[in-house]
Protein backbone atom coordinates (compact mmCIF):
# COMPACT_ATOMS: atom_id res chain seq x y z
CA MET A 1 200.46 43.41 28.50
CA GLN A 2 197.23 42.46 30.27
CA PRO A 3 195.46 45.36 32.09
CA ASP A 4 195.69 43.67 35.51
CA ARG A 5 199.39 42.94 35.02
CA LYS A 6 199.89 46.52 33.92
CA ILE A 7 198.42 47.79 37.16
CA VAL A 8 200.52 45.41 39.25
CA GLU A 9 203.67 46.68 37.53
CA ALA A 10 202.54 50.26 38.12
CA VAL A 11 202.84 49.98 41.88
CA ARG A 12 206.38 48.55 41.72
CA ILE A 13 207.89 51.77 40.55
CA GLY A 14 211.13 53.48 41.44
CA ASP A 15 213.25 54.05 44.50
CA GLY A 16 213.76 57.10 46.65
CA ASP A 17 211.92 58.78 49.49
CA ALA A 18 208.52 57.39 50.41
CA GLY A 19 206.55 60.45 49.30
CA ARG A 20 208.10 60.44 45.83
CA VAL A 21 207.48 56.71 45.40
CA VAL A 22 203.82 57.12 46.43
CA GLY A 23 203.38 59.99 43.98
CA LEU A 24 204.96 58.08 41.11
CA SER A 25 202.88 55.01 41.92
CA LEU A 26 199.67 57.01 41.89
CA LYS A 27 200.61 58.54 38.56
CA ALA A 28 201.42 55.13 37.10
CA LEU A 29 198.13 53.71 38.39
CA ARG A 30 196.17 56.57 36.85
CA GLN A 31 197.89 56.05 33.52
CA ALA A 32 197.39 52.28 33.75
CA VAL A 33 193.61 52.70 33.96
CA GLY A 34 193.65 55.23 31.13
CA LEU A 35 192.80 58.49 32.90
CA THR A 36 194.33 61.92 32.31
CA GLN A 37 195.11 64.33 35.14
CA LEU A 38 192.15 66.43 34.04
CA GLN A 39 189.78 63.45 34.14
CA MET A 40 191.11 62.52 37.56
CA ALA A 41 190.63 66.09 38.78
CA GLU A 42 187.01 66.02 37.59
CA ARG A 43 186.37 62.79 39.47
CA LEU A 44 187.75 64.33 42.66
CA SER A 45 186.18 67.77 42.08
CA VAL A 46 189.55 69.50 42.36
CA GLY A 47 191.79 71.42 40.00
CA GLN A 48 194.29 69.70 37.76
CA ALA A 49 197.09 71.40 39.69
CA ALA A 50 196.06 69.51 42.82
CA ILE A 51 196.43 66.18 41.01
CA SER A 52 199.81 67.23 39.66
CA LYS A 53 200.96 68.16 43.17
CA ILE A 54 199.88 64.81 44.60
CA GLU A 55 201.68 62.88 41.88
CA GLN A 56 204.85 64.94 42.18
CA ARG A 57 205.13 64.81 45.96
CA GLY A 58 202.93 62.00 47.25
CA ASP A 59 203.10 63.22 50.86
CA VAL A 60 199.33 63.24 51.28
CA GLN A 61 197.07 62.34 54.16
CA ILE A 62 195.68 58.82 54.17
CA SER A 63 192.16 60.19 53.67
CA SER A 64 193.29 61.97 50.48
CA LEU A 65 195.17 58.89 49.34
CA GLN A 66 192.02 56.86 49.90
CA ARG A 67 189.92 59.26 47.81
CA TYR A 68 192.45 59.16 44.99
CA VAL A 69 192.55 55.36 44.93
CA GLU A 70 188.77 55.05 45.12
CA ALA A 71 188.44 57.49 42.20
CA LEU A 72 190.40 54.93 40.19
CA GLY A 73 187.77 52.33 41.07
CA ALA A 74 189.97 50.56 43.61
CA ARG A 75 190.07 50.23 47.39
CA LEU A 76 192.97 51.31 49.59
CA ARG A 77 194.46 48.84 52.05
CA ILE A 78 197.57 49.22 54.18
CA ASP A 79 199.06 46.09 55.72
CA ALA A 80 202.13 45.40 57.82
CA ALA A 81 203.79 42.24 56.50
CA PHE A 82 205.88 40.35 59.05
CA PRO A 83 208.21 37.59 57.81
CA SER A 84 207.46 34.37 59.66
CA ASP A 85 211.12 33.85 60.61
CA ILE A 86 211.51 37.14 62.50
CA GLY A 87 211.50 36.32 66.18
CA PHE A 88 210.42 39.68 67.57
CA ALA A 89 207.48 39.84 65.13
CA ALA A 90 206.28 36.41 66.18
CA GLU A 91 206.49 37.40 69.82
CA ALA A 92 204.67 40.70 69.27
CA LEU A 93 201.91 39.12 67.19
CA GLN A 94 201.48 36.38 69.76
CA GLN A 95 200.69 39.10 72.29
CA ILE A 96 198.16 40.69 69.90
CA THR A 97 196.44 37.56 68.61
CA GLY A 98 197.39 34.72 70.97
CA ALA A 99 198.85 32.82 68.01
CA ARG A 100 202.15 31.48 66.82
CA ILE A 101 203.24 32.02 63.23
CA ASP A 102 203.43 28.52 61.77
CA ASN A 103 204.29 27.25 58.29
CA ASP A 104 203.57 30.44 56.41
CA ASP A 105 205.61 32.93 54.43
CA GLN A 106 204.37 35.99 56.27
CA TYR A 107 201.79 37.31 58.67
CA LEU A 108 199.72 40.23 57.38
CA LEU A 109 198.42 42.64 59.98
CA PRO A 110 195.77 44.97 58.48
CA ILE A 111 196.34 48.60 59.50
CA PHE A 112 193.89 50.48 57.28
CA GLY A 113 191.09 49.82 54.82
CA ASP A 114 189.88 46.44 56.05
CA ASP A 115 186.80 46.49 58.26
CA ARG A 116 187.01 42.78 58.87
CA PRO A 117 188.76 41.50 62.01
CA LEU A 118 192.18 39.96 61.62
CA ARG A 119 191.06 36.48 60.66
CA ARG A 120 192.24 33.58 58.57
CA ASP A 121 190.93 30.10 57.97
CA VAL A 122 192.74 27.42 59.92
CA ILE A 123 193.57 23.74 59.78
CA LEU A 124 193.06 21.89 63.06
CA SER A 125 194.83 18.64 63.90
CA ILE A 126 192.33 16.46 65.74
CA LYS A 127 192.55 12.84 66.85
CA PRO A 128 190.21 10.53 64.89
CA ALA A 129 188.10 9.75 67.94
CA TYR A 130 187.27 13.43 68.27
CA SER A 131 187.11 14.34 64.58
CA ASP A 132 184.53 11.59 64.06
CA LYS A 133 182.38 13.09 66.80
CA ILE A 134 182.62 16.52 65.17
CA LEU A 135 181.54 15.12 61.80
CA GLU A 136 178.68 13.24 63.48
CA GLY A 137 177.47 16.46 65.13
CA VAL A 138 178.04 15.16 68.65
CA LYS A 139 181.03 17.36 69.47
CA THR A 140 180.29 21.08 68.98
CA VAL A 141 183.25 22.57 70.83
CA GLU A 142 186.95 22.01 70.17
CA LEU A 143 189.36 22.77 73.00
CA ARG A 144 192.84 24.25 72.54
CA ARG A 145 195.71 25.12 74.86
CA ARG A 146 196.43 28.18 72.69
CA PHE A 147 194.51 29.76 69.87
CA PRO A 148 194.22 33.25 68.30
CA LEU A 149 191.14 35.09 69.52
CA SER A 150 191.20 36.99 66.23
CA VAL A 151 190.07 33.85 64.38
CA GLY A 152 186.46 34.53 65.10
CA GLN A 153 182.97 34.36 63.70
CA GLY A 154 182.75 33.07 60.16
CA ALA A 155 186.24 31.60 59.85
CA THR A 156 186.49 28.10 58.44
CA ALA A 157 188.23 25.32 60.36
CA TYR A 158 189.44 22.49 58.12
CA ILE A 159 189.63 19.24 60.05
CA TYR A 160 192.81 17.22 59.71
CA SER A 161 192.30 13.80 61.30
CA THR A 162 195.63 12.59 62.66
CA SER A 163 197.21 9.12 62.52
CA PRO A 164 196.14 6.58 61.44
CA VAL A 165 193.73 8.53 59.18
CA ARG A 166 196.13 11.36 58.22
CA ALA A 167 193.74 13.26 55.97
CA LEU A 168 191.61 16.38 55.68
CA VAL A 169 188.19 14.92 56.35
CA GLY A 170 185.85 17.89 56.64
CA ALA A 171 185.27 21.50 57.55
CA ALA A 172 183.27 23.56 60.00
CA GLU A 173 182.48 27.19 60.73
CA ILE A 174 183.99 28.76 63.83
CA THR A 175 181.21 30.80 65.40
CA ASP A 176 183.18 32.03 68.41
CA VAL A 177 186.48 31.66 70.25
CA GLU A 178 186.48 31.94 74.05
CA ARG A 179 189.45 32.27 76.40
CA LEU A 180 188.41 31.02 79.83
CA PRO A 181 189.79 29.88 83.20
CA LEU A 182 189.98 26.09 83.21
CA ALA A 183 187.24 25.64 85.82
CA THR A 184 184.86 27.77 83.74
CA LEU A 185 185.98 26.10 80.54
CA TRP A 186 185.17 22.64 81.91
CA ARG A 187 181.85 23.68 83.45
CA ARG A 188 180.68 25.49 80.34
CA HIS A 189 182.04 23.27 77.56
CA GLY A 190 183.20 19.93 78.94
CA LYS A 191 180.10 18.09 77.75
CA SER A 192 179.97 19.79 74.34
CA ALA A 193 183.66 18.98 73.83
CA SER A 194 182.97 15.25 74.37
CA ILE A 195 185.98 14.85 76.66
CA ARG A 196 186.45 13.07 79.97
CA LYS A 197 187.52 15.16 82.97
CA LEU A 198 190.66 13.06 83.33
CA ASP A 199 191.67 13.75 79.74
CA PHE A 200 190.73 17.42 80.09
CA ASP A 201 193.02 17.83 83.10
CA ALA A 202 195.87 16.01 81.37
CA TYR A 203 195.57 18.11 78.19
CA PHE A 204 195.58 21.43 80.03
CA GLY A 205 198.24 20.44 82.56
CA GLY A 206 200.37 23.38 83.68
CA LEU A 207 197.93 26.02 82.40
CA SER A 208 195.39 28.18 84.19
CA GLU A 209 193.18 28.88 81.19
CA GLY A 210 192.30 27.48 77.78
CA TYR A 211 190.39 28.17 74.59
CA ALA A 212 187.02 26.93 73.35
CA LEU A 213 186.24 26.95 69.64
CA ASN A 214 182.49 26.89 69.09
CA ILE A 215 181.77 25.21 65.77
CA SER A 216 178.73 24.75 63.54
CA ASN A 217 177.76 23.97 59.94
CA VAL A 218 179.95 20.91 59.87
CA ARG A 219 180.39 19.19 56.50
CA ARG A 220 182.12 15.90 55.83
CA PHE A 221 184.28 15.66 52.69
CA SER A 222 182.98 12.92 50.42
CA HIS A 223 186.59 12.36 49.35
CA PRO A 224 189.07 13.04 52.17
CA LEU A 225 192.35 14.60 51.08
CA ASN A 226 195.13 12.37 52.36
CA LEU A 227 198.54 13.48 53.57
CA ILE A 228 200.41 12.26 50.48
CA GLU A 229 198.24 14.36 48.17
CA LEU A 230 198.43 17.31 50.53
CA LYS A 231 202.23 17.18 50.45
CA GLU A 232 202.46 16.74 46.69
CA ARG A 233 199.96 19.43 45.72
CA PHE A 234 200.36 21.99 48.48
CA GLY A 235 203.62 21.33 50.34
CA PHE A 236 201.51 20.59 53.39
CA LYS A 237 202.98 19.72 56.79
CA ALA A 238 200.66 18.29 59.40
CA PRO A 239 200.43 20.72 62.34
CA GLN A 240 200.87 19.72 65.96
CA SER A 241 197.87 21.84 66.92
CA PHE A 242 196.80 24.19 64.13
CA LEU A 243 198.12 26.25 61.25
CA TYR A 244 196.71 28.90 58.96
CA ALA A 245 195.47 27.57 55.63
CA LYS A 246 197.86 28.62 52.87
CA PRO A 247 196.25 30.53 49.99
CA ASN A 248 196.73 27.77 47.38
CA LEU A 249 195.15 25.09 49.58
CA GLN A 250 192.43 27.44 50.77
CA MET A 251 191.51 28.37 47.20
CA ALA A 252 191.43 24.72 46.13
CA LEU A 253 189.19 23.77 49.03
CA GLN A 254 186.84 26.66 48.35
CA ASN A 255 186.68 26.15 44.59
CA GLU A 256 186.76 22.38 44.34
CA HIS A 257 184.67 21.82 47.48
CA THR A 258 184.63 18.21 48.64
CA ASN A 259 185.59 16.72 45.28
CA ILE A 260 189.18 17.90 45.54
CA SER A 261 190.57 14.35 45.51
CA ASN A 262 188.82 13.33 42.28
C-alpha cells in the first residue's frame, strides 16, 4: 500500500462517538507515518501517558488537536461540506457569500485552519462582443447581477464566450469584487465595463444594486477549448451567469495552460 493511500485509509476508521473516532484516527495516522507513542510524546514535549489518553478518548481541544496533527508533519483543516442539492444550505450560503451553488457536488465552507478567504476560481459566461473587449484589454470591469463577494483578490476567472463561439477563450485575475448601488456602479464603472447606459439599465432591471468584477492580467488562450471538448472531458455545462470551476477542469487549465486543446 502506498504511504499516501495508507494515510487516507487511516482517517476513515471506525464508528461510534465522535471523540472515540477522533482518537482512533489520530492513532492510525501516527502509526501510518511510522511514529511510536513515545516518539510522538517527545515531539510534543509531553509524557507518553498524555498521548495514550488523547488516542483513547479524542475529546481534545482544537488547539491540542492542531499541535498533534502538526507534529505528524501535517496541517489541520476543518471544513463544513454542504451537498449542493440541500435547499437550506444553498439559501444559507447565499446569505453568507452572495452566491448560488451551481453545478458542483458540494460547497466547502472552511471553519478552521485556512487563513485564505473563502474563494474559488470561476467560469464566467460572457457574450462574444464583451469577451473580445476583455481579451483586447479594453474592458477591465465585468458587471454581474449577483456574484459572491468571497471570490476576491487573486481568484481566476475563466472566460467562456457564449454562442456562436461557445468556448473557453481566456482567463483573467479578479483583483476585487464590489457590491454597489446601481447609480454608483454606473458612475464608477460604466466606462470600464464598455457598456451603453441603455444596456446597463436593461441588464440590471428590477434591482437596486449590482456587482463589479475588477479584472487584470488577462491572457488569451492560443487554443480555445470548445463546448464539445468541455462536455466530453469534463462534463461541462455552460452557465447562465457563472459557475465554480470543477477541480478536474481547474487542474487541467492550470497544468496544461493554453495548450489544453492540443
